[in-house]
Amino acid sequence: MKSAVQAFMVDENGVTAIEYGLIAGLVGAAMVAAAIVLGDKLLATYAYVKDQFKSLWA
């Protein structure tokens, strides 16, 4: 039993996949946070550009 526990403790299979999963989760959370923070500014910029194009053709 003791050797099985020791073998489990030193086994590193799957560790890289867990690390990549954590990194992907953090990147996804950062993207959502950036979209929330910058969303209103981006909408305002698109509205400004739209108005500028409208004034060009008026």
Foldseek 3Di string as FASTA:
>chain_A
DVVVVVVVVPDCPPVVVVVVVVVVVVVVVVVVVCCVVCVVVVVVVVVVVVVVVVVVVD
